[in-house]
Amino acid sequence: MDEVNPLIGLVAGEGEFPIILAENLKKKHFQIIGICFSKSQREKLKNYSEEVHQIYIGQLEKLMKIFKERKVKNLVFLGKIDKSYALKIGIPDFKALSIWRKVKNKEDDTLLRALIEELEREGFSVRAPSEFLQEFLTPEGILTKREPNREEWEDIKYGFKMAKALGKLDIGQCVVVKDRMTVAVEAMEGTDATILRAGSLRKHTVVVKVVKPLQDMRLDLPVVGEKTIETIIKAKAKILALEAHKTFFLQKEKALKLANQYGISIVGYKDEEN
């Protein structure tokens, strides 16, 4: 990357995390050209970017045109994109449509890998958010006051096994288990909805969130935060197990305080088998 004029293109989905990344990049003296998909996110990004452009999801040609005209080579993708919403309102251009038609399936990782390959063919380099946000990765160990009991540790291990199997199929990153039984698995609805659905079926469950085994670490790494803990409380779950060093943990201080208040255990777990 050019250290004299370190331009970087930030493709921002929804949520707080792209704003945190933009703030960190600005502190490190990067010049940000931002692309986002909503007016609210555009307003937030303006505080940290040289320029911000709002486009429709699916306007891949426009995205590349904006970055090429500004001689941006390095790109970072971060933020939530609701896939079900994107399918409803997306207006794919010719290049996006060609990717959609040629992939073997329409699961997240397949589409994202195809997107990266297309961008790299066009001369772009896609960077991992973790290069710039190491301090937000979940450390290994027990992060809360309460430790899991023996049965909960067994569920954590079982949940990781199930989550990795689910991830191999490119379906989701989260599973909820209880007594070594799978209560709910994440698909298009997202983690919070999965946790709430599990809560309607069983109480005192174990929520596990992992990176998919074949996941490109530059895109769609798992993220949790204070809202995740609020959802766990609503669902009356007891454990949140996160894959250590690969899961982003936002609002950590507030989230841990809330978890301790409700007796929830949060674990950064490293599965040696994976």
Protein backbone atom coordinates (compact mmCIF):
# COMPACT_ATOMS: atom_id res chain seq x y z
CA MET A 1 0.00 0.00 0.00
CA ASP A 2 1.22 3.48 -0.85
CA GLU A 3 2.39 4.96 2.48
CA VAL A 4 2.62 8.48 1.04
CA ASN A 5 -0.98 8.55 -0.12
CA PRO A 6 -2.65 5.55 1.54
CA LEU A 7 -6.02 5.48 -0.22
CA ILE A 8 -8.40 2.76 0.83
CA GLY A 9 -11.90 1.94 -0.38
CA LEU A 10 -14.37 1.06 2.35
CA VAL A 11 -17.49 -0.82 1.25
CA ALA A 12 -19.76 -0.39 4.27
CA GLY A 13 -22.78 -2.46 5.10
CA GLU A 14 -25.03 -1.55 8.00
CA GLY A 15 -24.23 -1.36 11.70
CA GLU A 16 -21.68 0.34 13.90
CA PHE A 17 -18.67 -1.72 12.87
CA PRO A 18 -17.92 -0.01 9.51
CA ILE A 19 -17.94 3.32 11.36
CA ILE A 20 -15.48 1.96 13.94
CA LEU A 21 -13.26 0.79 11.09
CA ALA A 22 -13.47 4.17 9.35
CA GLU A 23 -12.53 5.96 12.57
CA ASN A 24 -9.54 3.64 13.08
CA LEU A 25 -8.38 4.03 9.48
CA LYS A 26 -8.54 7.79 9.76
CA LYS A 27 -6.47 7.71 12.96
CA LYS A 28 -3.88 5.68 11.05
CA HIS A 29 -3.84 8.40 8.35
CA PHE A 30 -5.60 6.46 5.61
CA GLN A 31 -7.67 8.44 3.14
CA ILE A 32 -11.05 6.75 2.82
CA ILE A 33 -13.28 6.59 -0.21
CA GLY A 34 -16.51 5.11 1.10
CA ILE A 35 -19.33 3.28 -0.60
CA CYS A 36 -22.50 2.41 1.29
CA PHE A 37 -26.10 1.41 0.65
CA SER A 38 -28.17 3.65 2.94
CA LYS A 39 -28.57 7.34 3.66
CA SER A 40 -28.02 6.90 7.40
CA GLN A 41 -24.70 5.09 6.88
CA ARG A 42 -23.61 7.71 4.35
CA GLU A 43 -24.13 10.49 6.91
CA LYS A 44 -22.08 8.64 9.52
CA LEU A 45 -19.22 7.87 7.14
CA LYS A 46 -18.92 11.50 6.05
CA ASN A 47 -17.13 12.30 9.31
CA TYR A 48 -14.20 10.05 8.43
CA SER A 49 -14.03 9.90 4.63
CA GLU A 50 -12.74 12.00 1.77
CA GLU A 51 -15.84 11.01 -0.19
CA VAL A 52 -18.88 8.79 0.41
CA HIS A 53 -21.05 7.39 -2.38
CA GLN A 54 -24.41 5.72 -1.83
CA ILE A 55 -25.31 3.05 -4.38
CA TYR A 56 -27.78 0.20 -4.68
CA ILE A 57 -26.76 -3.30 -3.70
CA GLY A 58 -25.88 -5.03 -6.96
CA GLN A 59 -24.33 -2.01 -8.71
CA LEU A 60 -20.94 -3.68 -9.03
CA GLU A 61 -19.94 -1.81 -12.20
CA LYS A 62 -20.64 1.52 -10.49
CA LEU A 63 -18.66 0.46 -7.42
CA MET A 64 -15.61 -0.40 -9.53
CA LYS A 65 -15.96 2.75 -11.61
CA ILE A 66 -15.93 4.96 -8.51
CA PHE A 67 -12.81 3.33 -7.13
CA LYS A 68 -10.96 3.20 -10.46
CA GLU A 69 -11.60 6.88 -11.19
CA ARG A 70 -10.08 7.74 -7.80
CA LYS A 71 -7.15 5.32 -8.25
CA VAL A 72 -8.16 3.22 -5.24
CA LYS A 73 -6.57 -0.22 -5.30
CA ASN A 74 -7.07 -1.52 -1.75
CA LEU A 75 -10.59 -2.37 -0.60
CA VAL A 76 -12.10 -3.41 2.72
CA PHE A 77 -15.61 -4.84 3.11
CA LEU A 78 -17.36 -4.64 6.47
CA GLY A 79 -20.88 -4.44 7.85
CA LYS A 80 -24.15 -6.29 7.79
CA ILE A 81 -26.10 -6.76 4.58
CA ASP A 82 -29.49 -8.36 5.07
CA LYS A 83 -29.53 -10.98 2.33
CA SER A 84 -33.31 -11.32 2.27
CA TYR A 85 -33.69 -7.55 1.97
CA ALA A 86 -30.97 -7.38 -0.69
CA LEU A 87 -32.78 -9.97 -2.79
CA LYS A 88 -35.97 -7.91 -2.62
CA ILE A 89 -34.55 -4.49 -3.52
CA GLY A 90 -31.29 -5.30 -5.29
CA ILE A 91 -30.92 -3.94 -8.81
CA PRO A 92 -28.04 -6.00 -10.27
CA ASP A 93 -26.10 -4.54 -13.17
CA PHE A 94 -24.65 -6.70 -15.95
CA LYS A 95 -21.46 -7.62 -14.06
CA ALA A 96 -23.28 -8.49 -10.82
CA LEU A 97 -25.85 -10.49 -12.77
CA SER A 98 -23.13 -12.44 -14.57
CA ILE A 99 -21.62 -13.45 -11.21
CA TRP A 100 -25.04 -14.43 -9.91
CA ARG A 101 -25.68 -16.65 -12.93
CA LYS A 102 -22.35 -18.46 -13.00
CA VAL A 103 -21.92 -19.45 -9.32
CA LYS A 104 -22.77 -23.04 -8.38
CA ASN A 105 -25.07 -21.91 -5.55
CA LYS A 106 -26.25 -18.67 -3.96
CA GLU A 107 -24.89 -19.17 -0.44
CA ASP A 108 -22.92 -16.33 1.17
CA ASP A 109 -19.37 -17.66 0.87
CA THR A 110 -19.84 -18.76 -2.73
CA LEU A 111 -21.10 -15.32 -3.75
CA LEU A 112 -18.43 -13.47 -1.76
CA ARG A 113 -15.58 -15.56 -3.19
CA ALA A 114 -16.89 -14.92 -6.70
CA LEU A 115 -17.04 -11.20 -5.92
CA ILE A 116 -13.44 -11.14 -4.70
CA GLU A 117 -12.24 -13.05 -7.76
CA GLU A 118 -13.96 -10.52 -10.03
CA LEU A 119 -12.48 -7.56 -8.15
CA GLU A 120 -9.00 -9.08 -8.27
CA ARG A 121 -9.33 -9.63 -12.02
CA GLU A 122 -10.06 -5.92 -12.28
CA GLY A 123 -6.85 -5.07 -10.40
CA PHE A 124 -8.16 -4.50 -6.87
CA SER A 125 -6.72 -5.98 -3.68
CA VAL A 126 -9.26 -6.94 -0.99
CA ARG A 127 -7.86 -6.57 2.53
CA ALA A 128 -9.04 -8.22 5.74
CA PRO A 129 -10.66 -5.91 8.34
CA SER A 130 -8.68 -7.76 11.01
CA GLU A 131 -5.49 -6.16 9.62
CA PHE A 132 -6.73 -2.88 11.05
CA LEU A 133 -8.89 -4.03 13.99
CA GLN A 134 -6.85 -6.63 15.89
CA GLU A 135 -7.94 -5.16 19.22
CA PHE A 136 -11.57 -6.13 18.54
CA LEU A 137 -10.89 -9.86 18.05
CA THR A 138 -12.12 -12.14 20.85
CA PRO A 139 -9.28 -13.39 23.06
CA GLU A 140 -9.08 -16.99 24.19
CA GLY A 141 -10.40 -17.79 27.66
CA ILE A 142 -13.32 -17.10 29.99
CA LEU A 143 -14.24 -13.42 29.68
CA THR A 144 -16.93 -13.18 32.38
CA LYS A 145 -17.10 -13.84 36.12
CA ARG A 146 -19.07 -17.03 35.76
CA GLU A 147 -17.36 -20.07 34.30
CA PRO A 148 -19.29 -22.74 32.39
CA ASN A 149 -20.03 -25.88 34.38
CA ARG A 150 -19.09 -29.37 33.17
CA GLU A 151 -22.32 -29.91 31.23
CA GLU A 152 -22.02 -26.50 29.59
CA TRP A 153 -18.44 -27.24 28.50
CA GLU A 154 -19.71 -30.41 26.86
CA ASP A 155 -22.34 -28.35 25.04
CA ILE A 156 -19.72 -25.82 23.94
CA LYS A 157 -17.58 -28.59 22.42
CA TYR A 158 -20.61 -30.19 20.80
CA GLY A 159 -21.84 -26.81 19.52
CA PHE A 160 -18.50 -26.07 17.89
CA LYS A 161 -18.58 -29.43 16.14
CA MET A 162 -22.09 -28.75 14.85
CA ALA A 163 -21.29 -25.15 13.87
CA LYS A 164 -18.26 -26.22 11.87
CA ALA A 165 -20.31 -28.90 10.11
CA LEU A 166 -22.95 -26.29 9.32
CA GLY A 167 -20.24 -23.94 8.10
CA LYS A 168 -18.86 -26.55 5.70
CA LEU A 169 -22.23 -26.43 3.98
CA ASP A 170 -21.97 -22.59 3.80
CA ILE A 171 -25.24 -22.10 5.65
CA GLY A 172 -24.49 -20.07 8.78
CA GLN A 173 -22.04 -19.23 11.56
CA CYS A 174 -24.19 -19.80 14.65
CA VAL A 175 -25.83 -22.77 16.34
CA VAL A 176 -27.70 -23.04 19.64
CA VAL A 177 -27.46 -26.29 21.60
CA LYS A 178 -28.68 -27.81 24.87
CA ASP A 179 -27.75 -31.19 26.39
CA ARG A 180 -25.78 -32.01 23.22
CA MET A 181 -28.86 -31.49 21.06
CA THR A 182 -29.07 -28.89 18.30
CA VAL A 183 -31.88 -26.47 19.13
CA ALA A 184 -31.50 -23.96 16.27
CA VAL A 185 -29.16 -23.23 13.37
CA GLU A 186 -28.57 -19.92 11.63
CA ALA A 187 -29.58 -19.45 8.02
CA MET A 188 -30.68 -16.27 6.24
CA GLU A 189 -32.40 -14.75 9.31
CA GLY A 190 -29.16 -13.91 11.18
CA THR A 191 -27.77 -14.62 14.63
CA ASP A 192 -30.21 -12.63 16.78
CA ALA A 193 -33.26 -14.24 15.18
CA THR A 194 -31.67 -17.67 15.59
CA ILE A 195 -31.07 -17.09 19.31
CA LEU A 196 -34.65 -15.88 19.85
CA ARG A 197 -36.08 -18.84 17.95
CA ALA A 198 -34.02 -21.19 20.11
CA GLY A 199 -35.31 -19.40 23.22
CA SER A 200 -38.87 -20.20 22.22
CA LEU A 201 -37.93 -23.90 22.26
CA ARG A 202 -35.48 -24.34 25.16
CA LYS A 203 -34.08 -22.27 28.03
CA HIS A 204 -30.53 -22.14 29.44
CA THR A 205 -29.01 -22.92 26.05
CA VAL A 206 -25.47 -22.51 24.72
CA VAL A 207 -24.97 -20.15 21.77
CA VAL A 208 -21.92 -20.87 19.61
CA LYS A 209 -20.59 -18.60 16.86
CA VAL A 210 -17.69 -19.61 14.62
CA VAL A 211 -15.92 -18.90 11.36
CA LYS A 212 -16.90 -21.26 8.56
CA PRO A 213 -14.10 -23.75 7.77
CA LEU A 214 -13.68 -22.55 4.16
CA GLN A 215 -14.49 -18.91 4.86
CA ASP A 216 -12.39 -16.19 3.24
CA MET A 217 -11.11 -14.23 6.24
CA ARG A 218 -11.39 -10.98 4.30
CA LEU A 219 -15.18 -11.10 4.25
CA ASP A 220 -18.10 -11.70 6.62
CA LEU A 221 -16.22 -12.57 9.81
CA PRO A 222 -18.60 -13.17 12.73
CA VAL A 223 -19.41 -10.15 14.90
CA VAL A 224 -21.11 -9.91 18.29
CA GLY A 225 -21.74 -7.00 20.64
CA GLU A 226 -23.96 -5.60 23.34
CA LYS A 227 -27.09 -6.30 21.30
CA THR A 228 -26.13 -9.99 21.12
CA ILE A 229 -26.07 -10.15 24.92
CA GLU A 230 -29.44 -8.39 25.11
CA THR A 231 -30.83 -11.03 22.75
CA ILE A 232 -29.34 -13.85 24.82
CA ILE A 233 -31.01 -12.40 27.91
CA LYS A 234 -34.39 -12.30 26.12
CA ALA A 235 -33.93 -15.91 25.02
CA LYS A 236 -32.87 -16.97 28.55
CA ALA A 237 -29.67 -18.55 27.22
CA LYS A 238 -26.70 -18.99 29.57
CA ILE A 239 -23.54 -19.29 27.47
CA LEU A 240 -22.03 -17.44 24.52
CA ALA A 241 -19.04 -19.27 23.03
CA LEU A 242 -17.05 -17.44 20.36
CA GLU A 243 -14.24 -18.72 18.20
CA ALA A 244 -11.16 -17.09 19.69
CA HIS A 245 -9.02 -14.77 17.54
CA LYS A 246 -11.51 -14.98 14.67
CA THR A 247 -14.68 -13.35 16.03
CA PHE A 248 -15.07 -9.59 16.41
CA PHE A 249 -16.42 -8.46 19.79
CA LEU A 250 -17.83 -4.90 19.86
CA GLN A 251 -18.85 -2.83 22.91
CA LYS A 252 -16.95 -5.43 24.94
CA GLU A 253 -16.94 -3.55 28.26
CA LYS A 254 -20.71 -2.90 28.20
CA ALA A 255 -21.45 -6.42 26.93
CA LEU A 256 -19.39 -8.10 29.67
CA LYS A 257 -20.95 -5.92 32.37
CA LEU A 258 -24.42 -6.89 31.15
CA ALA A 259 -23.48 -10.56 30.92
CA ASN A 260 -22.11 -10.55 34.47
CA GLN A 261 -25.28 -8.87 35.72
CA TYR A 262 -27.42 -11.72 34.32
CA GLY A 263 -25.04 -14.59 35.11
CA ILE A 264 -24.18 -15.29 31.47
CA SER A 265 -20.82 -16.85 30.69
CA ILE A 266 -18.87 -15.69 27.63
CA VAL A 267 -16.00 -17.83 26.40
CA GLY A 268 -13.38 -17.29 23.73
CA TYR A 269 -12.95 -20.89 22.60
CA LYS A 270 -10.23 -22.41 20.47
CA ASP A 271 -11.11 -25.78 19.05
CA GLU A 272 -7.83 -27.63 18.48
CA GLU A 273 -9.49 -30.00 16.00
CA ASN A 274 -10.31 -27.05 13.69
